[in-house]
Amino acid sequence: MSDWLANAIGLAGSALFIAAFAYTNITGRLNKLWFNLVNLAGAILLLISLSVNFNLAAFVLELAWGSIAAYGLLRALRERMTGPVP
């Protein structure tokens, strides 16, 4: 993968993070499914970018961010199917 493509993918991931953050500050009611899905997609895109331009600190951050988003996404899906999770 070229540096240009890696940077474009990383910027797309960053844009998703910014969009999710803005959404949480603008909306009156948070859609946890959408929020966590966008955060997970952003983390994945940034991890792909980091496979070309590696930075350990950023890698650890994105791995943690993606893991938390995946947990939140699974929880939101479960809540949609069964109701609120304690």
N, C-alpha and C. Protein backbone atom coordinates (compact mmCIF):
# COMPACT_ATOMS: atom_id res chain seq x y z
N MET A 1 0.86 -1.18 0.00
CA MET A 1 0.00 0.00 0.00
C MET A 1 0.90 1.24 0.00
N SER A 2 0.54 2.20 -0.78
CA SER A 2 1.33 3.43 -0.86
C SER A 2 1.11 4.31 0.37
N ASP A 3 2.07 5.19 0.62
CA ASP A 3 1.92 6.15 1.72
C ASP A 3 0.68 7.01 1.52
N TRP A 4 0.43 7.41 0.28
CA TRP A 4 -0.71 8.27 -0.02
C TRP A 4 -2.02 7.57 0.36
N LEU A 5 -2.15 6.31 -0.04
CA LEU A 5 -3.37 5.56 0.27
C LEU A 5 -3.51 5.34 1.78
N ALA A 6 -2.41 5.02 2.44
CA ALA A 6 -2.44 4.83 3.89
C ALA A 6 -2.89 6.11 4.59
N ASN A 7 -2.37 7.24 4.15
CA ASN A 7 -2.77 8.52 4.74
C ASN A 7 -4.24 8.82 4.46
N ALA A 8 -4.71 8.53 3.26
CA ALA A 8 -6.12 8.76 2.93
C ALA A 8 -7.04 7.90 3.80
N ILE A 9 -6.65 6.64 3.99
CA ILE A 9 -7.44 5.74 4.85
C ILE A 9 -7.43 6.23 6.30
N GLY A 10 -6.27 6.66 6.78
CA GLY A 10 -6.17 7.20 8.13
C GLY A 10 -6.99 8.46 8.32
N LEU A 11 -6.97 9.32 7.32
CA LEU A 11 -7.77 10.55 7.40
C LEU A 11 -9.27 10.24 7.40
N ALA A 12 -9.67 9.23 6.65
CA ALA A 12 -11.08 8.82 6.65
C ALA A 12 -11.47 8.32 8.05
N GLY A 13 -10.59 7.55 8.67
CA GLY A 13 -10.85 7.08 10.04
C GLY A 13 -10.95 8.24 11.02
N SER A 14 -10.06 9.20 10.87
CA SER A 14 -10.10 10.39 11.74
C SER A 14 -11.40 11.16 11.54
N ALA A 15 -11.84 11.27 10.29
CA ALA A 15 -13.09 11.98 9.99
C ALA A 15 -14.28 11.28 10.66
N LEU A 16 -14.24 9.94 10.68
CA LEU A 16 -15.33 9.21 11.35
C LEU A 16 -15.33 9.49 12.85
N PHE A 17 -14.14 9.53 13.47
CA PHE A 17 -14.06 9.85 14.90
C PHE A 17 -14.64 11.24 15.18
N ILE A 18 -14.26 12.19 14.34
CA ILE A 18 -14.74 13.57 14.52
C ILE A 18 -16.25 13.64 14.35
N ALA A 19 -16.77 12.92 13.34
CA ALA A 19 -18.21 12.90 13.11
C ALA A 19 -18.96 12.30 14.30
N ALA A 20 -18.43 11.20 14.85
CA ALA A 20 -19.07 10.56 16.00
C ALA A 20 -19.03 11.47 17.23
N PHE A 21 -17.91 12.14 17.42
CA PHE A 21 -17.79 13.06 18.56
C PHE A 21 -18.75 14.24 18.41
N ALA A 22 -18.83 14.79 17.22
CA ALA A 22 -19.76 15.90 16.97
C ALA A 22 -21.20 15.44 17.19
N TYR A 23 -21.51 14.25 16.72
CA TYR A 23 -22.85 13.69 16.87
C TYR A 23 -23.26 13.61 18.35
N THR A 24 -22.32 13.17 19.20
CA THR A 24 -22.66 13.04 20.62
C THR A 24 -22.94 14.40 21.26
N ASN A 25 -22.36 15.44 20.72
CA ASN A 25 -22.55 16.79 21.28
C ASN A 25 -23.72 17.52 20.67
N ILE A 26 -24.22 17.05 19.55
CA ILE A 26 -25.32 17.72 18.86
C ILE A 26 -26.66 17.06 19.13
N THR A 27 -26.67 15.73 19.20
CA THR A 27 -27.92 15.00 19.30
C THR A 27 -28.55 15.13 20.69
N GLY A 28 -29.85 15.01 20.71
CA GLY A 28 -30.56 15.00 21.98
C GLY A 28 -30.64 13.59 22.56
N ARG A 29 -30.53 12.61 21.68
CA ARG A 29 -30.62 11.21 22.11
C ARG A 29 -29.61 10.39 21.34
N LEU A 30 -28.66 9.81 22.04
CA LEU A 30 -27.57 9.07 21.43
C LEU A 30 -28.03 7.72 20.90
N ASN A 31 -27.75 7.46 19.64
CA ASN A 31 -27.97 6.14 19.05
C ASN A 31 -26.68 5.36 19.26
N LYS A 32 -26.66 4.49 20.27
CA LYS A 32 -25.44 3.77 20.64
C LYS A 32 -24.96 2.84 19.53
N LEU A 33 -25.88 2.28 18.78
CA LEU A 33 -25.50 1.40 17.68
C LEU A 33 -24.71 2.18 16.64
N TRP A 34 -25.23 3.30 16.18
CA TRP A 34 -24.55 4.13 15.18
C TRP A 34 -23.23 4.65 15.73
N PHE A 35 -23.25 5.17 16.94
CA PHE A 35 -22.06 5.75 17.55
C PHE A 35 -20.91 4.75 17.62
N ASN A 36 -21.19 3.54 18.12
CA ASN A 36 -20.15 2.54 18.26
C ASN A 36 -19.72 1.95 16.93
N LEU A 37 -20.63 1.84 15.99
CA LEU A 37 -20.28 1.36 14.66
C LEU A 37 -19.32 2.33 13.96
N VAL A 38 -19.61 3.61 14.04
CA VAL A 38 -18.74 4.62 13.43
C VAL A 38 -17.37 4.65 14.11
N ASN A 39 -17.34 4.54 15.43
CA ASN A 39 -16.07 4.51 16.15
C ASN A 39 -15.26 3.26 15.80
N LEU A 40 -15.91 2.12 15.68
CA LEU A 40 -15.21 0.89 15.31
C LEU A 40 -14.65 1.01 13.90
N ALA A 41 -15.44 1.53 12.97
CA ALA A 41 -14.96 1.71 11.60
C ALA A 41 -13.76 2.66 11.56
N GLY A 42 -13.83 3.74 12.33
CA GLY A 42 -12.72 4.68 12.39
C GLY A 42 -11.46 4.03 12.92
N ALA A 43 -11.59 3.24 13.97
CA ALA A 43 -10.43 2.56 14.55
C ALA A 43 -9.83 1.57 13.56
N ILE A 44 -10.67 0.83 12.85
CA ILE A 44 -10.17 -0.13 11.86
C ILE A 44 -9.41 0.59 10.75
N LEU A 45 -9.98 1.69 10.26
CA LEU A 45 -9.31 2.44 9.20
C LEU A 45 -7.96 2.98 9.67
N LEU A 46 -7.91 3.48 10.89
CA LEU A 46 -6.64 3.98 11.40
C LEU A 46 -5.63 2.85 11.63
N LEU A 47 -6.09 1.70 12.05
CA LEU A 47 -5.18 0.56 12.20
C LEU A 47 -4.62 0.12 10.84
N ILE A 48 -5.45 0.17 9.81
CA ILE A 48 -4.96 -0.14 8.46
C ILE A 48 -3.89 0.87 8.07
N SER A 49 -4.15 2.13 8.32
CA SER A 49 -3.18 3.18 8.01
C SER A 49 -1.88 2.95 8.77
N LEU A 50 -1.99 2.53 10.03
CA LEU A 50 -0.80 2.32 10.85
C LEU A 50 0.01 1.11 10.40
N SER A 51 -0.57 0.25 9.58
CA SER A 51 0.21 -0.88 9.07
C SER A 51 1.29 -0.41 8.11
N VAL A 52 1.14 0.80 7.57
CA VAL A 52 2.14 1.37 6.68
C VAL A 52 3.02 2.37 7.43
N ASN A 53 2.40 3.24 8.18
CA ASN A 53 3.12 4.27 8.95
C ASN A 53 2.97 3.96 10.43
N PHE A 54 3.71 2.94 10.91
CA PHE A 54 3.51 2.43 12.27
C PHE A 54 3.97 3.42 13.33
N ASN A 55 3.15 3.49 14.38
CA ASN A 55 3.46 4.27 15.58
C ASN A 55 2.86 3.49 16.73
N LEU A 56 3.70 3.02 17.64
CA LEU A 56 3.23 2.13 18.72
C LEU A 56 2.15 2.77 19.58
N ALA A 57 2.34 4.02 19.97
CA ALA A 57 1.36 4.68 20.84
C ALA A 57 0.00 4.78 20.13
N ALA A 58 0.00 5.16 18.87
CA ALA A 58 -1.25 5.26 18.11
C ALA A 58 -1.87 3.88 17.93
N PHE A 59 -1.04 2.87 17.69
CA PHE A 59 -1.54 1.51 17.52
C PHE A 59 -2.26 1.02 18.78
N VAL A 60 -1.64 1.22 19.93
CA VAL A 60 -2.24 0.80 21.21
C VAL A 60 -3.55 1.56 21.44
N LEU A 61 -3.56 2.86 21.17
CA LEU A 61 -4.77 3.66 21.34
C LEU A 61 -5.89 3.15 20.44
N GLU A 62 -5.59 2.90 19.17
CA GLU A 62 -6.62 2.44 18.24
C GLU A 62 -7.11 1.04 18.56
N LEU A 63 -6.22 0.19 19.04
CA LEU A 63 -6.62 -1.15 19.45
C LEU A 63 -7.59 -1.07 20.63
N ALA A 64 -7.28 -0.23 21.61
CA ALA A 64 -8.17 -0.05 22.76
C ALA A 64 -9.49 0.59 22.32
N TRP A 65 -9.40 1.62 21.48
CA TRP A 65 -10.60 2.32 21.00
C TRP A 65 -11.52 1.36 20.25
N GLY A 66 -10.92 0.57 19.38
CA GLY A 66 -11.70 -0.40 18.61
C GLY A 66 -12.32 -1.47 19.48
N SER A 67 -11.59 -1.93 20.48
CA SER A 67 -12.12 -2.95 21.39
C SER A 67 -13.30 -2.42 22.19
N ILE A 68 -13.18 -1.21 22.68
CA ILE A 68 -14.28 -0.60 23.43
C ILE A 68 -15.49 -0.39 22.52
N ALA A 69 -15.24 0.07 21.31
CA ALA A 69 -16.34 0.29 20.35
C ALA A 69 -17.01 -1.04 20.00
N ALA A 70 -16.23 -2.10 19.82
CA ALA A 70 -16.80 -3.41 19.50
C ALA A 70 -17.68 -3.90 20.65
N TYR A 71 -17.20 -3.72 21.88
CA TYR A 71 -17.99 -4.10 23.05
C TYR A 71 -19.29 -3.29 23.09
N GLY A 72 -19.18 -1.98 22.88
CA GLY A 72 -20.37 -1.13 22.88
C GLY A 72 -21.34 -1.49 21.77
N LEU A 73 -20.80 -1.85 20.61
CA LEU A 73 -21.65 -2.25 19.49
C LEU A 73 -22.40 -3.53 19.81
N LEU A 74 -21.71 -4.52 20.35
CA LEU A 74 -22.37 -5.77 20.73
C LEU A 74 -23.44 -5.53 21.79
N ARG A 75 -23.13 -4.69 22.72
CA ARG A 75 -24.09 -4.36 23.78
C ARG A 75 -25.32 -3.64 23.21
N ALA A 76 -25.09 -2.71 22.29
CA ALA A 76 -26.20 -1.99 21.66
C ALA A 76 -27.07 -2.94 20.84
N LEU A 77 -26.44 -3.88 20.13
CA LEU A 77 -27.21 -4.86 19.36
C LEU A 77 -28.04 -5.74 20.28
N ARG A 78 -27.43 -6.14 21.39
CA ARG A 78 -28.14 -6.96 22.37
C ARG A 78 -29.34 -6.22 22.96
N GLU A 79 -29.14 -4.94 23.28
CA GLU A 79 -30.22 -4.12 23.81
C GLU A 79 -31.37 -3.99 22.81
N ARG A 80 -31.03 -3.89 21.54
CA ARG A 80 -32.08 -3.79 20.50
C ARG A 80 -32.90 -5.06 20.44
N MET A 81 -32.26 -6.19 20.69
CA MET A 81 -32.97 -7.48 20.59
C MET A 81 -33.74 -7.84 21.86
N THR A 82 -33.16 -7.50 23.01
CA THR A 82 -33.75 -8.00 24.26
C THR A 82 -34.19 -6.91 25.23
N GLY A 83 -33.91 -5.67 24.94
CA GLY A 83 -34.19 -4.60 25.88
C GLY A 83 -32.94 -4.20 26.62
N PRO A 84 -33.02 -3.22 27.51
CA PRO A 84 -31.85 -2.71 28.23
C PRO A 84 -31.06 -3.80 28.94
N VAL A 85 -29.74 -3.69 28.84
CA VAL A 85 -28.83 -4.64 29.49
C VAL A 85 -28.41 -4.03 30.82
N PRO A 86 -28.49 -4.82 31.91
CA PRO A 86 -28.11 -4.26 33.22
C PRO A 86 -26.64 -3.94 33.32
